Amino acid sequence: MLSLLEAMQAFNRRERHILVGWVLDRLTFPLGHEFRDALSKSIGVPVPADSYVAMDYTLNWLSAALMWSHDQVSEEAPRLYDSNDGLELGDNSDSDLVVGFARGAETHVVLLEAKGYTPWGGSQLKHKTDRLRQIFGESGNRFPDVVPYWVFVSPKVPPPLELPQWLLEPDTDKPRHLSLPQPASHKYAISRCDASGKRKDADHWKIRYDPWPGPK
C-alpha cells in the first residue's frame, strides 16, 4: 500500500510542475528558510525542508490519494461515484500550493490559498470550504493519521469566513494567514477602456498603474 505522500506524487500531472522541476534541475521543490519558518509558526509544527511540494494540486487528486493510501480504493478497481467521498468529477478546483510531510505516525497536509492582485471570491472560498469538509470530514478526522491545514496567503487578511474549527488557528479561532511579500516590480496591468481612457469594456486598451494592494 502506498503512503499518502507517495500517492499524492503519483497523481501530480501538472505539466507546469514538471517543467519547473526540469528547469530547476530538481525533482522536488525544496522550501526556502523564510517561507518554511513562517509556515511552521502558522501551523505550530516544524515543516521539514524536504517536504513534498506541488503547485495547483487538484482537490480530486488529494481525495483519491487519501482513499488510495488508506486502502479504500485500489488501482483499476471501479468505485461507485459518491460526491461524499470528496470527489467532484466535473470540478477542477485546486490548491495553489500543497505541502505534505510525515511526522511520526502522522502525515501533515497543508493547503495554501494565494491571492495577490485579485480579491478573495466569497463563492469560490465557500465551494472550497465545502469540498474540504467532504474530503477530510466535518471534524477533520476522516483519516485519523492525517492532519490537514488551510493557510491563506495574501497582502491582506482574507474576509470573514465560516470555517470548521479544525481549519482555524486554535488560539485565535481565525483563519491561518501569511502575508505575501510585495514583489519588486509587477505594478502594471492591461485593461480595456474607451478612447478617453475610462475603464470599461470598449474598443481601446491601455497600460495602467496597478500597485500592490498590501502594505508597502
C-alpha atoms as a PDB file:
ATOM      1  CA  MET A   1       0.000   0.000   0.000  1.00  0.00           C
ATOM      2  CA  LEU A   2       1.298   3.450  -0.919  1.00  0.00           C
ATOM      3  CA  SER A   3       1.907   6.103   1.701  1.00  0.00           C
ATOM      4  CA  LEU A   4      -0.162   9.266   1.363  1.00  0.00           C
ATOM      5  CA  LEU A   5       2.828  11.278   0.108  1.00  0.00           C
ATOM      6  CA  GLU A   6       3.638   8.590  -2.475  1.00  0.00           C
ATOM      7  CA  ALA A   7       0.027   8.570  -3.642  1.00  0.00           C
ATOM      8  CA  MET A   8      -0.029  12.374  -3.888  1.00  0.00           C
ATOM      9  CA  GLN A   9       3.102  12.310  -6.045  1.00  0.00           C
ATOM     10  CA  ALA A  10       1.637   9.597  -8.263  1.00  0.00           C
ATOM     11  CA  PHE A  11      -1.349  11.804  -9.156  1.00  0.00           C
ATOM     12  CA  ASN A  12       0.543  15.001  -9.912  1.00  0.00           C
ATOM     13  CA  ARG A  13       0.010  15.517 -13.648  1.00  0.00           C
ATOM     14  CA  ARG A  14       0.618  19.281 -13.792  1.00  0.00           C
ATOM     15  CA  GLU A  15       2.837  19.997 -16.790  1.00  0.00           C
ATOM     16  CA  ARG A  16       3.839  23.291 -15.168  1.00  0.00           C
ATOM     17  CA  HIS A  17       5.120  21.443 -12.106  1.00  0.00           C
ATOM     18  CA  ILE A  18       7.107  19.016 -14.270  1.00  0.00           C
ATOM     19  CA  LEU A  19       8.504  21.835 -16.402  1.00  0.00           C
ATOM     20  CA  VAL A  20       9.606  23.953 -13.427  1.00  0.00           C
ATOM     21  CA  GLY A  21      11.235  20.910 -11.859  1.00  0.00           C
ATOM     22  CA  TRP A  22      13.147  20.279 -15.063  1.00  0.00           C
ATOM     23  CA  VAL A  23      14.167  23.930 -15.388  1.00  0.00           C
ATOM     24  CA  LEU A  24      15.461  23.985 -11.811  1.00  0.00           C
ATOM     25  CA  ASP A  25      17.074  20.555 -12.183  1.00  0.00           C
ATOM     26  CA  ARG A  26      15.095  19.315  -9.198  1.00  0.00           C
ATOM     27  CA  LEU A  27      12.552  16.519  -8.960  1.00  0.00           C
ATOM     28  CA  THR A  28      11.121  18.159  -5.855  1.00  0.00           C
ATOM     29  CA  PHE A  29      10.924  21.789  -4.741  1.00  0.00           C
ATOM     30  CA  PRO A  30      12.893  22.440  -1.545  1.00  0.00           C
ATOM     31  CA  LEU A  31      11.285  25.005   0.726  1.00  0.00           C
ATOM     32  CA  GLY A  32      13.174  28.224   1.421  1.00  0.00           C
ATOM     33  CA  HIS A  33      14.097  29.020   5.011  1.00  0.00           C
ATOM     34  CA  GLU A  34      11.993  32.190   5.342  1.00  0.00           C
ATOM     35  CA  PHE A  35       8.824  30.571   3.998  1.00  0.00           C
ATOM     36  CA  ARG A  36       9.351  27.384   5.975  1.00  0.00           C
ATOM     37  CA  ASP A  37       9.841  29.349   9.184  1.00  0.00           C
ATOM     38  CA  ALA A  38       6.647  31.367   8.592  1.00  0.00           C
ATOM     39  CA  LEU A  39       4.616  28.266   7.721  1.00  0.00           C
ATOM     40  CA  SER A  40       5.943  26.364  10.748  1.00  0.00           C
ATOM     41  CA  LYS A  41       4.815  29.194  13.039  1.00  0.00           C
ATOM     42  CA  SER A  42       1.427  29.344  11.339  1.00  0.00           C
ATOM     43  CA  ILE A  43       0.569  25.667  11.785  1.00  0.00           C
ATOM     44  CA  GLY A  44       2.502  25.170  15.029  1.00  0.00           C
ATOM     45  CA  VAL A  45       4.548  22.252  13.672  1.00  0.00           C
ATOM     46  CA  PRO A  46       8.107  22.295  12.238  1.00  0.00           C
ATOM     47  CA  VAL A  47       7.945  21.973   8.449  1.00  0.00           C
ATOM     48  CA  PRO A  48      10.874  19.980   7.008  1.00  0.00           C
ATOM     49  CA  ALA A  49      12.891  21.413   4.134  1.00  0.00           C
ATOM     50  CA  ASP A  50      12.340  18.222   2.133  1.00  0.00           C
ATOM     51  CA  SER A  51       8.533  18.281   2.392  1.00  0.00           C
ATOM     52  CA  TYR A  52       6.535  17.252  -0.645  1.00  0.00           C
ATOM     53  CA  VAL A  53       5.547  20.418  -2.528  1.00  0.00           C
ATOM     54  CA  ALA A  54       3.204  20.763  -5.513  1.00  0.00           C
ATOM     55  CA  MET A  55       1.598  23.677  -7.341  1.00  0.00           C
ATOM     56  CA  ASP A  56      -2.053  23.851  -8.448  1.00  0.00           C
ATOM     57  CA  TYR A  57      -2.810  20.471  -6.882  1.00  0.00           C
ATOM     58  CA  THR A  58      -6.304  19.294  -7.785  1.00  0.00           C
ATOM     59  CA  LEU A  59      -8.616  18.503  -4.870  1.00  0.00           C
ATOM     60  CA  ASN A  60      -9.861  15.407  -6.700  1.00  0.00           C
ATOM     61  CA  TRP A  61      -6.286  14.085  -6.689  1.00  0.00           C
ATOM     62  CA  LEU A  62      -5.999  14.782  -2.981  1.00  0.00           C
ATOM     63  CA  SER A  63      -9.237  12.985  -2.190  1.00  0.00           C
ATOM     64  CA  ALA A  64      -8.291   9.960  -4.295  1.00  0.00           C
ATOM     65  CA  ALA A  65      -4.773   9.873  -2.814  1.00  0.00           C
ATOM     66  CA  LEU A  66      -6.195   9.843   0.707  1.00  0.00           C
ATOM     67  CA  MET A  67      -8.535   6.955  -0.068  1.00  0.00           C
ATOM     68  CA  TRP A  68      -5.895   5.043  -2.049  1.00  0.00           C
ATOM     69  CA  SER A  69      -3.314   5.312   0.717  1.00  0.00           C
ATOM     70  CA  HIS A  70      -5.899   4.146   3.268  1.00  0.00           C
ATOM     71  CA  ASP A  71      -6.871   1.076   1.238  1.00  0.00           C
ATOM     72  CA  GLN A  72     -10.368   2.380   0.487  1.00  0.00           C
ATOM     73  CA  VAL A  73      -9.825   2.109  -3.259  1.00  0.00           C
ATOM     74  CA  SER A  74      -7.300   0.251  -5.385  1.00  0.00           C
ATOM     75  CA  GLU A  75      -5.765   0.718  -8.816  1.00  0.00           C
ATOM     76  CA  GLU A  76      -8.078  -0.180 -11.731  1.00  0.00           C
ATOM     77  CA  ALA A  77     -10.897  -1.260  -9.377  1.00  0.00           C
ATOM     78  CA  PRO A  78     -14.114   0.694 -10.139  1.00  0.00           C
ATOM     79  CA  ARG A  79     -15.692   2.503  -7.213  1.00  0.00           C
ATOM     80  CA  LEU A  80     -19.242   3.822  -7.228  1.00  0.00           C
ATOM     81  CA  TYR A  81     -19.162   7.603  -7.623  1.00  0.00           C
ATOM     82  CA  ASP A  82     -20.286   9.369  -4.461  1.00  0.00           C
ATOM     83  CA  SER A  83     -19.615  13.093  -4.005  1.00  0.00           C
ATOM     84  CA  ASN A  84     -19.483  12.491  -0.251  1.00  0.00           C
ATOM     85  CA  ASP A  85     -16.051  10.956  -0.899  1.00  0.00           C
ATOM     86  CA  GLY A  86     -14.835  14.471  -1.643  1.00  0.00           C
ATOM     87  CA  LEU A  87     -14.515  13.956  -5.401  1.00  0.00           C
ATOM     88  CA  GLU A  88     -16.404  16.073  -7.894  1.00  0.00           C
ATOM     89  CA  LEU A  89     -15.601  14.595 -11.276  1.00  0.00           C
ATOM     90  CA  GLY A  90     -16.757  17.688 -13.153  1.00  0.00           C
ATOM     91  CA  ASP A  91     -14.833  20.104 -10.947  1.00  0.00           C
ATOM     92  CA  ASN A  92     -11.166  21.083 -11.263  1.00  0.00           C
ATOM     93  CA  SER A  93     -10.812  23.103  -8.043  1.00  0.00           C
ATOM     94  CA  ASP A  94      -7.288  23.008  -6.733  1.00  0.00           C
ATOM     95  CA  SER A  95      -4.944  24.199  -4.029  1.00  0.00           C
ATOM     96  CA  ASP A  96      -2.460  26.849  -5.171  1.00  0.00           C
ATOM     97  CA  LEU A  97       0.256  25.074  -3.214  1.00  0.00           C
ATOM     98  CA  VAL A  98       0.240  21.891  -1.184  1.00  0.00           C
ATOM     99  CA  VAL A  99       2.924  20.955   1.327  1.00  0.00           C
ATOM    100  CA  GLY A 100       2.985  17.474   2.826  1.00  0.00           C
ATOM    101  CA  PHE A 101       5.311  15.808   5.296  1.00  0.00           C
ATOM    102  CA  ALA A 102       5.400  12.871   7.671  1.00  0.00           C
ATOM    103  CA  ARG A 103       5.859  13.437  11.393  1.00  0.00           C
ATOM    104  CA  GLY A 104       5.864  10.277  13.460  1.00  0.00           C
ATOM    105  CA  ALA A 105       2.802   8.211  12.565  1.00  0.00           C
ATOM    106  CA  GLU A 106       1.005  11.251  11.137  1.00  0.00           C
ATOM    107  CA  THR A 107       1.076  12.927   7.742  1.00  0.00           C
ATOM    108  CA  HIS A 108       0.527  16.676   7.759  1.00  0.00           C
ATOM    109  CA  VAL A 109      -1.105  18.189   4.674  1.00  0.00           C
ATOM    110  CA  VAL A 110      -1.013  21.983   4.305  1.00  0.00           C
ATOM    111  CA  LEU A 111      -3.145  23.590   1.601  1.00  0.00           C
ATOM    112  CA  LEU A 112      -2.269  27.182   0.726  1.00  0.00           C
ATOM    113  CA  GLU A 113      -4.719  29.547  -0.971  1.00  0.00           C
ATOM    114  CA  ALA A 114      -2.975  32.558  -2.503  1.00  0.00           C
ATOM    115  CA  LYS A 115      -4.227  35.937  -3.708  1.00  0.00           C
ATOM    116  CA  GLY A 116      -2.160  38.935  -4.755  1.00  0.00           C
ATOM    117  CA  TYR A 117      -3.710  41.487  -7.053  1.00  0.00           C
ATOM    118  CA  THR A 118      -7.135  39.868  -7.256  1.00  0.00           C
ATOM    119  CA  PRO A 119      -9.644  39.979  -4.385  1.00  0.00           C
ATOM    120  CA  TRP A 120     -10.949  36.990  -2.483  1.00  0.00           C
ATOM    121  CA  GLY A 121     -14.093  35.494  -4.006  1.00  0.00           C
ATOM    122  CA  GLY A 122     -16.731  34.535  -1.464  1.00  0.00           C
ATOM    123  CA  SER A 123     -18.445  31.876  -3.589  1.00  0.00           C
ATOM    124  CA  GLN A 124     -15.128  30.294  -4.546  1.00  0.00           C
ATOM    125  CA  LEU A 125     -13.972  30.098  -0.930  1.00  0.00           C
ATOM    126  CA  LYS A 126     -17.308  28.634   0.185  1.00  0.00           C
ATOM    127  CA  HIS A 127     -17.091  25.991  -2.512  1.00  0.00           C
ATOM    128  CA  LYS A 128     -13.574  25.007  -1.427  1.00  0.00           C
ATOM    129  CA  THR A 129     -14.601  25.010   2.226  1.00  0.00           C
ATOM    130  CA  ASP A 130     -17.418  22.583   1.407  1.00  0.00           C
ATOM    131  CA  ARG A 131     -15.000  20.398  -0.545  1.00  0.00           C
ATOM    132  CA  LEU A 132     -12.537  20.282   2.350  1.00  0.00           C
ATOM    133  CA  ARG A 133     -15.347  19.239   4.690  1.00  0.00           C
ATOM    134  CA  GLN A 134     -16.134  16.361   2.340  1.00  0.00           C
ATOM    135  CA  ILE A 135     -12.518  15.348   1.820  1.00  0.00           C
ATOM    136  CA  PHE A 136     -11.398  15.433   5.462  1.00  0.00           C
ATOM    137  CA  GLY A 137     -14.736  15.050   7.246  1.00  0.00           C
ATOM    138  CA  GLU A 138     -16.807  17.562   9.166  1.00  0.00           C
ATOM    139  CA  SER A 139     -14.396  17.396  12.101  1.00  0.00           C
ATOM    140  CA  GLY A 140     -11.258  16.985  10.004  1.00  0.00           C
ATOM    141  CA  ASN A 141     -10.605  13.453  11.253  1.00  0.00           C
ATOM    142  CA  ARG A 142     -11.955  11.264   8.466  1.00  0.00           C
ATOM    143  CA  PHE A 143      -8.413   9.902   8.187  1.00  0.00           C
ATOM    144  CA  PRO A 144      -7.138   9.824  11.812  1.00  0.00           C
ATOM    145  CA  ASP A 145      -3.449   9.720  10.846  1.00  0.00           C
ATOM    146  CA  VAL A 146      -3.742  12.782   8.578  1.00  0.00           C
ATOM    147  CA  VAL A 147      -3.597  16.345   9.952  1.00  0.00           C
ATOM    148  CA  PRO A 148      -4.952  18.945   7.491  1.00  0.00           C
ATOM    149  CA  TYR A 149      -4.456  22.724   7.485  1.00  0.00           C
ATOM    150  CA  TRP A 150      -5.681  25.558   5.286  1.00  0.00           C
ATOM    151  CA  VAL A 151      -3.471  28.644   5.116  1.00  0.00           C
ATOM    152  CA  PHE A 152      -4.375  31.867   3.304  1.00  0.00           C
ATOM    153  CA  VAL A 153      -1.537  33.799   1.683  1.00  0.00           C
ATOM    154  CA  SER A 154      -2.183  37.372   0.580  1.00  0.00           C
ATOM    155  CA  PRO A 155      -1.164  41.009   1.121  1.00  0.00           C
ATOM    156  CA  LYS A 156      -4.187  41.483   3.381  1.00  0.00           C
ATOM    157  CA  VAL A 157      -6.115  39.140   5.637  1.00  0.00           C
ATOM    158  CA  PRO A 158      -9.000  37.290   3.940  1.00  0.00           C
ATOM    159  CA  PRO A 159     -12.616  38.329   4.600  1.00  0.00           C
ATOM    160  CA  PRO A 160     -14.535  36.739   7.492  1.00  0.00           C
ATOM    161  CA  LEU A 161     -15.121  33.085   6.729  1.00  0.00           C
ATOM    162  CA  GLU A 162     -17.303  30.404   8.246  1.00  0.00           C
ATOM    163  CA  LEU A 163     -14.771  27.614   8.535  1.00  0.00           C
ATOM    164  CA  PRO A 164     -14.883  24.398  10.556  1.00  0.00           C
ATOM    165  CA  GLN A 165     -12.949  24.626  13.803  1.00  0.00           C
ATOM    166  CA  TRP A 166     -10.175  22.337  12.612  1.00  0.00           C
ATOM    167  CA  LEU A 167      -9.268  24.818   9.854  1.00  0.00           C
ATOM    168  CA  LEU A 168      -8.826  27.728  12.277  1.00  0.00           C
ATOM    169  CA  GLU A 169      -5.938  28.772  14.477  1.00  0.00           C
ATOM    170  CA  PRO A 170      -6.652  27.153  17.862  1.00  0.00           C
ATOM    171  CA  ASP A 171      -5.566  30.246  19.835  1.00  0.00           C
ATOM    172  CA  THR A 172      -7.477  32.877  17.874  1.00  0.00           C
ATOM    173  CA  ASP A 173     -10.277  30.975  16.086  1.00  0.00           C
ATOM    174  CA  LYS A 174      -9.289  32.896  12.950  1.00  0.00           C
ATOM    175  CA  PRO A 175      -8.139  31.580   9.563  1.00  0.00           C
ATOM    176  CA  ARG A 176      -4.405  30.995   9.285  1.00  0.00           C
ATOM    177  CA  HIS A 177      -2.806  33.745   7.229  1.00  0.00           C
ATOM    178  CA  LEU A 178       0.644  34.511   5.849  1.00  0.00           C
ATOM    179  CA  SER A 179       1.454  37.927   4.412  1.00  0.00           C
ATOM    180  CA  LEU A 180       2.517  37.632   0.784  1.00  0.00           C
ATOM    181  CA  PRO A 181       5.636  39.788   0.222  1.00  0.00           C
ATOM    182  CA  GLN A 182       5.425  42.704  -2.173  1.00  0.00           C
ATOM    183  CA  PRO A 183       7.157  41.943  -5.479  1.00  0.00           C
ATOM    184  CA  ALA A 184       9.961  44.203  -6.648  1.00  0.00           C
ATOM    185  CA  SER A 185       8.048  45.233  -9.751  1.00  0.00           C
ATOM    186  CA  HIS A 186       4.909  43.867 -11.445  1.00  0.00           C
ATOM    187  CA  LYS A 187       2.928  47.019 -10.760  1.00  0.00           C
ATOM    188  CA  TYR A 188       1.223  47.456 -14.128  1.00  0.00           C
ATOM    189  CA  ALA A 189      -1.760  45.859 -15.810  1.00  0.00           C
ATOM    190  CA  ILE A 190      -3.556  45.907 -19.156  1.00  0.00           C
ATOM    191  CA  SER A 191      -7.219  46.882 -19.199  1.00  0.00           C
ATOM    192  CA  ARG A 192      -9.886  47.737 -21.719  1.00  0.00           C
ATOM    193  CA  CYS A 193     -11.128  51.287 -21.954  1.00  0.00           C
ATOM    194  CA  ASP A 194     -12.770  53.821 -24.245  1.00  0.00           C
ATOM    195  CA  ALA A 195     -10.993  56.419 -26.369  1.00  0.00           C
ATOM    196  CA  SER A 196     -10.749  58.792 -23.401  1.00  0.00           C
ATOM    197  CA  GLY A 197      -9.117  56.146 -21.214  1.00  0.00           C
ATOM    198  CA  LYS A 198     -12.095  55.484 -18.960  1.00  0.00           C
ATOM    199  CA  ARG A 199     -12.158  51.904 -17.724  1.00  0.00           C
ATOM    200  CA  LYS A 200     -14.911  49.912 -19.337  1.00  0.00           C
ATOM    201  CA  ASP A 201     -15.320  47.170 -21.926  1.00  0.00           C
ATOM    202  CA  ALA A 202     -14.835  49.249 -25.043  1.00  0.00           C
ATOM    203  CA  ASP A 203     -12.702  49.159 -28.178  1.00  0.00           C
ATOM    204  CA  HIS A 204      -9.477  50.559 -26.705  1.00  0.00           C
ATOM    205  CA  TRP A 205      -6.935  49.313 -24.197  1.00  0.00           C
ATOM    206  CA  LYS A 206      -4.222  50.849 -22.090  1.00  0.00           C
ATOM    207  CA  ILE A 207      -1.377  50.099 -19.725  1.00  0.00           C
ATOM    208  CA  ARG A 208      -2.365  51.291 -16.284  1.00  0.00           C
ATOM    209  CA  TYR A 209      -0.626  51.544 -12.945  1.00  0.00           C
ATOM    210  CA  ASP A 210      -1.885  48.792 -10.662  1.00  0.00           C
ATOM    211  CA  PRO A 211       0.049  48.896  -7.358  1.00  0.00           C
ATOM    212  CA  TRP A 212       0.411  46.083  -4.900  1.00  0.00           C
ATOM    213  CA  PRO A 213      -2.680  46.059  -2.677  1.00  0.00           C
ATOM    214  CA  GLY A 214      -0.839  45.256   0.535  1.00  0.00           C
ATOM    215  CA  PRO A 215       1.443  47.207   2.856  1.00  0.00           C
ATOM    216  CA  LYS A 216       4.340  48.987   1.132  1.00  0.00           C
END
